[in-house]
N, C-alpha and C. Protein backbone atom coordinates (compact mmCIF):
# COMPACT_ATOMS: atom_id res chain seq x y z
N UNK A 1 0.86 -1.19 0.00
CA UNK A 1 0.00 0.00 0.00
C UNK A 1 0.90 1.24 0.00
N UNK A 2 0.77 2.02 -1.04
CA UNK A 2 1.62 3.21 -1.12
C UNK A 2 1.02 4.35 -0.32
N UNK A 3 1.85 5.30 0.00
CA UNK A 3 1.40 6.47 0.76
C UNK A 3 0.37 7.26 -0.05
N UNK A 4 0.60 7.33 -1.36
CA UNK A 4 -0.32 8.08 -2.21
C UNK A 4 -1.69 7.41 -2.23
N UNK A 5 -1.71 6.08 -2.32
CA UNK A 5 -2.99 5.37 -2.35
C UNK A 5 -3.75 5.59 -1.03
N UNK A 6 -3.01 5.54 0.06
CA UNK A 6 -3.62 5.77 1.38
C UNK A 6 -4.21 7.17 1.45
N UNK A 7 -3.46 8.14 0.96
CA UNK A 7 -3.93 9.53 0.97
C UNK A 7 -5.17 9.69 0.10
N UNK A 8 -5.13 9.07 -1.08
CA UNK A 8 -6.28 9.16 -1.98
C UNK A 8 -7.53 8.53 -1.36
N UNK A 9 -7.34 7.40 -0.69
CA UNK A 9 -8.48 6.74 -0.04
C UNK A 9 -9.03 7.60 1.09
N UNK A 10 -8.13 8.23 1.84
CA UNK A 10 -8.56 9.10 2.93
C UNK A 10 -9.34 10.29 2.39
N UNK A 11 -8.87 10.85 1.28
CA UNK A 11 -9.55 11.99 0.67
C UNK A 11 -10.92 11.58 0.14
N UNK A 12 -11.00 10.40 -0.45
CA UNK A 12 -12.27 9.90 -0.96
C UNK A 12 -13.26 9.70 0.17
N UNK A 13 -12.80 9.12 1.27
CA UNK A 13 -13.66 8.91 2.44
C UNK A 13 -14.14 10.25 2.99
N UNK A 14 -13.23 11.20 3.10
CA UNK A 14 -13.57 12.51 3.63
C UNK A 14 -14.58 13.19 2.72
N UNK A 15 -14.40 13.03 1.43
CA UNK A 15 -15.30 13.63 0.45
C UNK A 15 -16.70 13.05 0.59
N UNK A 16 -16.76 11.72 0.77
CA UNK A 16 -18.06 11.06 0.91
C UNK A 16 -18.76 11.49 2.18
N UNK A 17 -18.03 11.54 3.30
CA UNK A 17 -18.68 11.93 4.55
C UNK A 17 -19.08 13.40 4.51
N UNK A 18 -18.29 14.21 3.82
CA UNK A 18 -18.62 15.62 3.66
C UNK A 18 -19.91 15.77 2.87
N UNK A 19 -20.05 14.94 1.84
CA UNK A 19 -21.24 14.96 1.00
C UNK A 19 -22.46 14.54 1.81
N UNK A 20 -22.30 13.51 2.64
CA UNK A 20 -23.40 13.03 3.49
C UNK A 20 -23.81 14.13 4.47
N UNK A 21 -22.82 14.78 5.05
CA UNK A 21 -23.07 15.85 6.02
C UNK A 21 -23.79 17.02 5.35
N UNK A 22 -23.33 17.40 4.17
CA UNK A 22 -23.94 18.50 3.43
C UNK A 22 -25.40 18.19 3.12
N UNK A 23 -25.66 16.95 2.70
CA UNK A 23 -27.03 16.53 2.40
C UNK A 23 -27.90 16.59 3.65
N UNK A 24 -27.36 16.10 4.76
CA UNK A 24 -28.11 16.09 6.02
C UNK A 24 -28.41 17.52 6.47
N UNK A 25 -27.42 18.40 6.35
CA UNK A 25 -27.62 19.80 6.75
C UNK A 25 -28.65 20.47 5.85
N UNK A 26 -28.62 20.14 4.58
CA UNK A 26 -29.58 20.70 3.64
C UNK A 26 -31.00 20.28 3.99
N UNK A 27 -31.15 19.00 4.34
CA UNK A 27 -32.46 18.47 4.71
C UNK A 27 -32.95 19.12 6.00
N UNK A 28 -32.03 19.30 6.94
CA UNK A 28 -32.38 19.94 8.21
C UNK A 28 -32.82 21.39 7.99
N UNK A 29 -32.07 22.10 7.15
CA UNK A 29 -32.41 23.49 6.85
C UNK A 29 -33.79 23.57 6.21
N UNK A 30 -34.10 22.64 5.34
CA UNK A 30 -35.40 22.61 4.67
C UNK A 30 -36.51 22.39 5.69
N UNK A 31 -36.28 21.46 6.62
CA UNK A 31 -37.29 21.18 7.65
C UNK A 31 -37.51 22.40 8.54
N UNK A 32 -36.43 23.08 8.88
CA UNK A 32 -36.54 24.28 9.72
C UNK A 32 -37.31 25.38 8.99
N UNK A 33 -37.06 25.50 7.71
CA UNK A 33 -37.75 26.49 6.90
C UNK A 33 -39.24 26.17 6.82
N UNK A 34 -39.55 24.89 6.59
CA UNK A 34 -40.95 24.46 6.53
C UNK A 34 -41.65 24.73 7.86
N UNK A 35 -40.94 24.45 8.95
CA UNK A 35 -41.50 24.67 10.28
C UNK A 35 -41.77 26.16 10.51
N UNK A 36 -40.83 27.00 10.10
CA UNK A 36 -40.99 28.44 10.25
C UNK A 36 -42.21 28.93 9.47
N UNK A 37 -42.39 28.41 8.28
CA UNK A 37 -43.55 28.78 7.46
C UNK A 37 -44.83 28.33 8.15
N UNK A 38 -44.84 27.10 8.65
CA UNK A 38 -46.01 26.56 9.35
C UNK A 38 -46.37 27.43 10.56
N UNK A 39 -45.36 27.79 11.33
CA UNK A 39 -45.60 28.62 12.52
C UNK A 39 -46.10 30.01 12.13
N UNK A 40 -45.55 30.56 11.07
CA UNK A 40 -45.96 31.88 10.61
C UNK A 40 -47.43 31.85 10.17
N UNK A 41 -47.82 30.78 9.51
CA UNK A 41 -49.20 30.63 9.04
C UNK A 41 -50.14 30.50 10.24
N UNK A 42 -49.73 29.72 11.24
CA UNK A 42 -50.57 29.54 12.43
C UNK A 42 -50.75 30.84 13.19
N UNK A 43 -49.72 31.67 13.23
CA UNK A 43 -49.80 32.95 13.94
C UNK A 43 -50.73 33.92 13.23
N UNK A 44 -50.73 33.87 11.92
CA UNK A 44 -51.48 34.83 11.11
C UNK A 44 -52.99 34.64 11.28
């Protein structure tokens, strides 16, 4: 196992987990936005 291969695998893993995190944060932001809209409608 070369150092370069190890580095590339680590970068690939980091990229994948970053992508998962970004997706999760996006979904969370969407839910918060939907909730804010729901609350605003209920107040009105």
